[in-house]
Amino acid sequence: VCPTDWDSLYAATLASIRNPIGMPPLKELAGPGKSVVIVIPDIVKGGNQPTSHRKVAIRACLDELYAAGVEQKDVLLLFSNGLHPRATVAEMQTILGPELFGEFYPTGQITSHDSEDYDHLVDLGYTAQGTT
């Protein structure tokens, strides 16, 4: 049975973040002075309900990051919209909820990726398989 209430979802998500498979926990990877970008799918992927995985997972990740010594000023929330239109302020509010939105928007720490703004993109080269 999958939990549907915030507290149960948060607890299950936090347990997963603290016990990842095949890598160190987030708390060990982060620390004071580290910069963090949390990438969020755009509204096309849904996630509008109060207990959406995005709202729960972002809050759980932030709590772990803060516990590791990362400061809020060092966190950026980035909407990954691909070739969809950039997220509007209303969509950001809907996806993040009022608490997360209010925490990050006033300080300019929420933005949308623009995959067609070539002046702000970096070519990272090719993979070993020859793909980009």
C-alpha atoms as a PDB file:
ATOM      1  CA  VAL A   1       0.000   0.000   0.000  1.00  0.00           C
ATOM      2  CA  CYS A   2       1.402   3.368  -1.008  1.00  0.00           C
ATOM      3  CA  PRO A   3       1.026   6.148   1.570  1.00  0.00           C
ATOM      4  CA  THR A   4      -0.888   9.245   0.510  1.00  0.00           C
ATOM      5  CA  ASP A   5      -0.558  11.595   3.487  1.00  0.00           C
ATOM      6  CA  TRP A   6       2.267  14.156   3.631  1.00  0.00           C
ATOM      7  CA  ASP A   7       3.955  12.797   6.772  1.00  0.00           C
ATOM      8  CA  SER A   8       4.124   9.209   5.508  1.00  0.00           C
ATOM      9  CA  LEU A   9       5.301  10.273   2.051  1.00  0.00           C
ATOM     10  CA  TYR A  10       7.920  12.570   3.571  1.00  0.00           C
ATOM     11  CA  ALA A  11       9.198   9.833   5.921  1.00  0.00           C
ATOM     12  CA  ALA A  12       9.446   7.286   3.086  1.00  0.00           C
ATOM     13  CA  THR A  13      11.181   9.787   0.806  1.00  0.00           C
ATOM     14  CA  LEU A  14      13.620  10.863   3.504  1.00  0.00           C
ATOM     15  CA  ALA A  15      14.459   7.215   4.249  1.00  0.00           C
ATOM     16  CA  SER A  16      15.292   6.714   0.557  1.00  0.00           C
ATOM     17  CA  ILE A  17      17.425   9.859   0.425  1.00  0.00           C
ATOM     18  CA  ARG A  18      19.317   8.733   3.501  1.00  0.00           C
ATOM     19  CA  ASN A  19      19.854   5.210   2.142  1.00  0.00           C
ATOM     20  CA  PRO A  20      20.551   5.461  -1.599  1.00  0.00           C
ATOM     21  CA  ILE A  21      21.575   2.434  -3.610  1.00  0.00           C
ATOM     22  CA  GLY A  22      25.178   2.489  -4.833  1.00  0.00           C
ATOM     23  CA  MET A  23      26.217   5.939  -3.682  1.00  0.00           C
ATOM     24  CA  PRO A  24      26.822   7.970  -0.530  1.00  0.00           C
ATOM     25  CA  PRO A  25      23.861   9.684   1.124  1.00  0.00           C
ATOM     26  CA  LEU A  26      23.121  13.263   0.150  1.00  0.00           C
ATOM     27  CA  LYS A  27      24.200  14.472   3.578  1.00  0.00           C
ATOM     28  CA  GLU A  28      27.715  13.127   2.890  1.00  0.00           C
ATOM     29  CA  LEU A  29      27.930  14.725  -0.555  1.00  0.00           C
ATOM     30  CA  ALA A  30      26.813  18.173   0.580  1.00  0.00           C
ATOM     31  CA  GLY A  31      28.281  20.555   3.106  1.00  0.00           C
ATOM     32  CA  PRO A  32      28.967  24.156   4.072  1.00  0.00           C
ATOM     33  CA  GLY A  33      29.910  26.330   1.115  1.00  0.00           C
ATOM     34  CA  LYS A  34      28.580  23.873  -1.483  1.00  0.00           C
ATOM     35  CA  SER A  35      26.286  25.105  -4.262  1.00  0.00           C
ATOM     36  CA  VAL A  36      23.261  22.991  -5.105  1.00  0.00           C
ATOM     37  CA  VAL A  37      20.900  22.959  -8.081  1.00  0.00           C
ATOM     38  CA  ILE A  38      17.670  20.997  -7.741  1.00  0.00           C
ATOM     39  CA  VAL A  39      16.226  20.221 -11.174  1.00  0.00           C
ATOM     40  CA  ILE A  40      12.440  20.008 -11.372  1.00  0.00           C
ATOM     41  CA  PRO A  41      10.291  18.743 -14.284  1.00  0.00           C
ATOM     42  CA  ASP A  42       7.971  21.346 -15.797  1.00  0.00           C
ATOM     43  CA  ILE A  43       4.177  21.427 -15.519  1.00  0.00           C
ATOM     44  CA  VAL A  44       3.760  19.150 -18.554  1.00  0.00           C
ATOM     45  CA  LYS A  45       4.771  16.253 -16.277  1.00  0.00           C
ATOM     46  CA  GLY A  46       1.972  17.040 -13.767  1.00  0.00           C
ATOM     47  CA  GLY A  47       2.695  17.260 -10.055  1.00  0.00           C
ATOM     48  CA  ASN A  48       0.053  19.781  -9.058  1.00  0.00           C
ATOM     49  CA  GLN A  49      -1.464  17.930  -6.094  1.00  0.00           C
ATOM     50  CA  PRO A  50      -0.468  18.972  -2.531  1.00  0.00           C
ATOM     51  CA  THR A  51       1.367  15.691  -1.894  1.00  0.00           C
ATOM     52  CA  SER A  52       3.058  15.431  -5.297  1.00  0.00           C
ATOM     53  CA  HIS A  53       6.413  13.670  -5.333  1.00  0.00           C
ATOM     54  CA  ARG A  54       8.064  16.955  -6.314  1.00  0.00           C
ATOM     55  CA  LYS A  55       6.867  18.902  -3.294  1.00  0.00           C
ATOM     56  CA  VAL A  56       7.712  16.048  -0.929  1.00  0.00           C
ATOM     57  CA  ALA A  57      11.099  15.182  -2.465  1.00  0.00           C
ATOM     58  CA  ILE A  58      12.275  18.780  -2.759  1.00  0.00           C
ATOM     59  CA  ARG A  59      11.411  19.481   0.878  1.00  0.00           C
ATOM     60  CA  ALA A  60      13.127  16.268   2.024  1.00  0.00           C
ATOM     61  CA  CYS A  61      16.248  17.047  -0.041  1.00  0.00           C
ATOM     62  CA  LEU A  62      16.364  20.603   1.287  1.00  0.00           C
ATOM     63  CA  ASP A  63      16.063  19.394   4.872  1.00  0.00           C
ATOM     64  CA  GLU A  64      18.981  17.003   4.331  1.00  0.00           C
ATOM     65  CA  LEU A  65      21.037  19.692   2.616  1.00  0.00           C
ATOM     66  CA  TYR A  66      20.410  22.170   5.430  1.00  0.00           C
ATOM     67  CA  ALA A  67      21.306  19.508   8.002  1.00  0.00           C
ATOM     68  CA  ALA A  68      24.587  18.983   6.115  1.00  0.00           C
ATOM     69  CA  GLY A  69      25.393  22.686   6.387  1.00  0.00           C
ATOM     70  CA  VAL A  70      24.285  23.942   2.976  1.00  0.00           C
ATOM     71  CA  GLU A  71      22.759  27.397   3.261  1.00  0.00           C
ATOM     72  CA  GLN A  72      19.529  28.364   1.519  1.00  0.00           C
ATOM     73  CA  LYS A  73      21.354  31.127  -0.379  1.00  0.00           C
ATOM     74  CA  ASP A  74      23.429  28.404  -2.080  1.00  0.00           C
ATOM     75  CA  VAL A  75      20.425  26.532  -3.523  1.00  0.00           C
ATOM     76  CA  LEU A  76      18.883  27.117  -6.961  1.00  0.00           C
ATOM     77  CA  LEU A  77      15.630  25.505  -8.126  1.00  0.00           C
ATOM     78  CA  LEU A  78      15.779  24.944 -11.894  1.00  0.00           C
ATOM     79  CA  PHE A  79      12.772  23.956 -14.002  1.00  0.00           C
ATOM     80  CA  SER A  80      13.832  21.597 -16.796  1.00  0.00           C
ATOM     81  CA  ASN A  81      11.363  22.336 -19.538  1.00  0.00           C
ATOM     82  CA  GLY A  82      13.317  21.028 -22.523  1.00  0.00           C
ATOM     83  CA  LEU A  83      11.710  22.554 -25.601  1.00  0.00           C
ATOM     84  CA  HIS A  84       8.456  23.338 -23.772  1.00  0.00           C
ATOM     85  CA  PRO A  85       7.794  27.003 -22.954  1.00  0.00           C
ATOM     86  CA  ARG A  86       9.583  28.345 -19.870  1.00  0.00           C
ATOM     87  CA  ALA A  87       7.629  27.861 -16.635  1.00  0.00           C
ATOM     88  CA  THR A  88       5.459  30.838 -15.759  1.00  0.00           C
ATOM     89  CA  VAL A  89       5.422  32.266 -12.249  1.00  0.00           C
ATOM     90  CA  ALA A  90       1.939  30.786 -11.763  1.00  0.00           C
ATOM     91  CA  GLU A  91       3.167  27.332 -12.861  1.00  0.00           C
ATOM     92  CA  MET A  92       6.159  27.583 -10.521  1.00  0.00           C
ATOM     93  CA  GLN A  93       3.799  28.396  -7.641  1.00  0.00           C
ATOM     94  CA  THR A  94       1.518  25.499  -8.550  1.00  0.00           C
ATOM     95  CA  ILE A  95       4.317  22.960  -8.833  1.00  0.00           C
ATOM     96  CA  LEU A  96       6.285  24.065  -5.765  1.00  0.00           C
ATOM     97  CA  GLY A  97       3.406  25.084  -3.522  1.00  0.00           C
ATOM     98  CA  PRO A  98       3.268  28.338  -1.565  1.00  0.00           C
ATOM     99  CA  GLU A  99       5.897  27.421   1.040  1.00  0.00           C
ATOM    100  CA  LEU A 100       8.731  26.419  -1.320  1.00  0.00           C
ATOM    101  CA  PHE A 101       7.839  29.151  -3.784  1.00  0.00           C
ATOM    102  CA  GLY A 102       7.870  31.776  -1.035  1.00  0.00           C
ATOM    103  CA  GLU A 103      11.220  30.512   0.223  1.00  0.00           C
ATOM    104  CA  PHE A 104      13.057  30.813  -3.090  1.00  0.00           C
ATOM    105  CA  TYR A 105      11.256  33.105  -5.533  1.00  0.00           C
ATOM    106  CA  PRO A 106      11.744  36.442  -3.725  1.00  0.00           C
ATOM    107  CA  THR A 107      15.526  35.924  -3.767  1.00  0.00           C
ATOM    108  CA  GLY A 108      15.690  34.956  -7.453  1.00  0.00           C
ATOM    109  CA  GLN A 109      16.532  31.320  -6.717  1.00  0.00           C
ATOM    110  CA  ILE A 110      13.959  29.806  -9.081  1.00  0.00           C
ATOM    111  CA  THR A 111      14.501  29.789 -12.831  1.00  0.00           C
ATOM    112  CA  SER A 112      13.622  27.880 -15.988  1.00  0.00           C
ATOM    113  CA  HIS A 113      16.237  26.351 -18.236  1.00  0.00           C
ATOM    114  CA  ASP A 114      16.134  27.731 -21.760  1.00  0.00           C
ATOM    115  CA  SER A 115      17.455  25.098 -24.141  1.00  0.00           C
ATOM    116  CA  GLU A 116      17.309  27.525 -27.062  1.00  0.00           C
ATOM    117  CA  ASP A 117      19.377  30.319 -25.482  1.00  0.00           C
ATOM    118  CA  TYR A 118      22.688  29.324 -27.051  1.00  0.00           C
ATOM    119  CA  ASP A 119      24.548  32.213 -25.410  1.00  0.00           C
ATOM    120  CA  HIS A 120      23.995  30.541 -22.045  1.00  0.00           C
ATOM    121  CA  LEU A 121      24.587  26.899 -22.986  1.00  0.00           C
ATOM    122  CA  VAL A 122      27.851  24.992 -22.653  1.00  0.00           C
ATOM    123  CA  ASP A 123      28.884  22.202 -25.008  1.00  0.00           C
ATOM    124  CA  LEU A 124      30.027  19.334 -22.809  1.00  0.00           C
ATOM    125  CA  GLY A 125      31.304  17.275 -25.717  1.00  0.00           C
ATOM    126  CA  TYR A 126      30.528  13.682 -26.584  1.00  0.00           C
ATOM    127  CA  THR A 127      30.030  10.506 -24.602  1.00  0.00           C
ATOM    128  CA  ALA A 128      32.243   7.456 -25.076  1.00  0.00           C
ATOM    129  CA  GLN A 129      29.505   6.182 -27.426  1.00  0.00           C
ATOM    130  CA  GLY A 130      29.853   9.311 -29.587  1.00  0.00           C
ATOM    131  CA  THR A 131      26.543  10.860 -28.585  1.00  0.00           C
ATOM    132  CA  THR A 132      25.984  14.324 -27.143  1.00  0.00           C
END
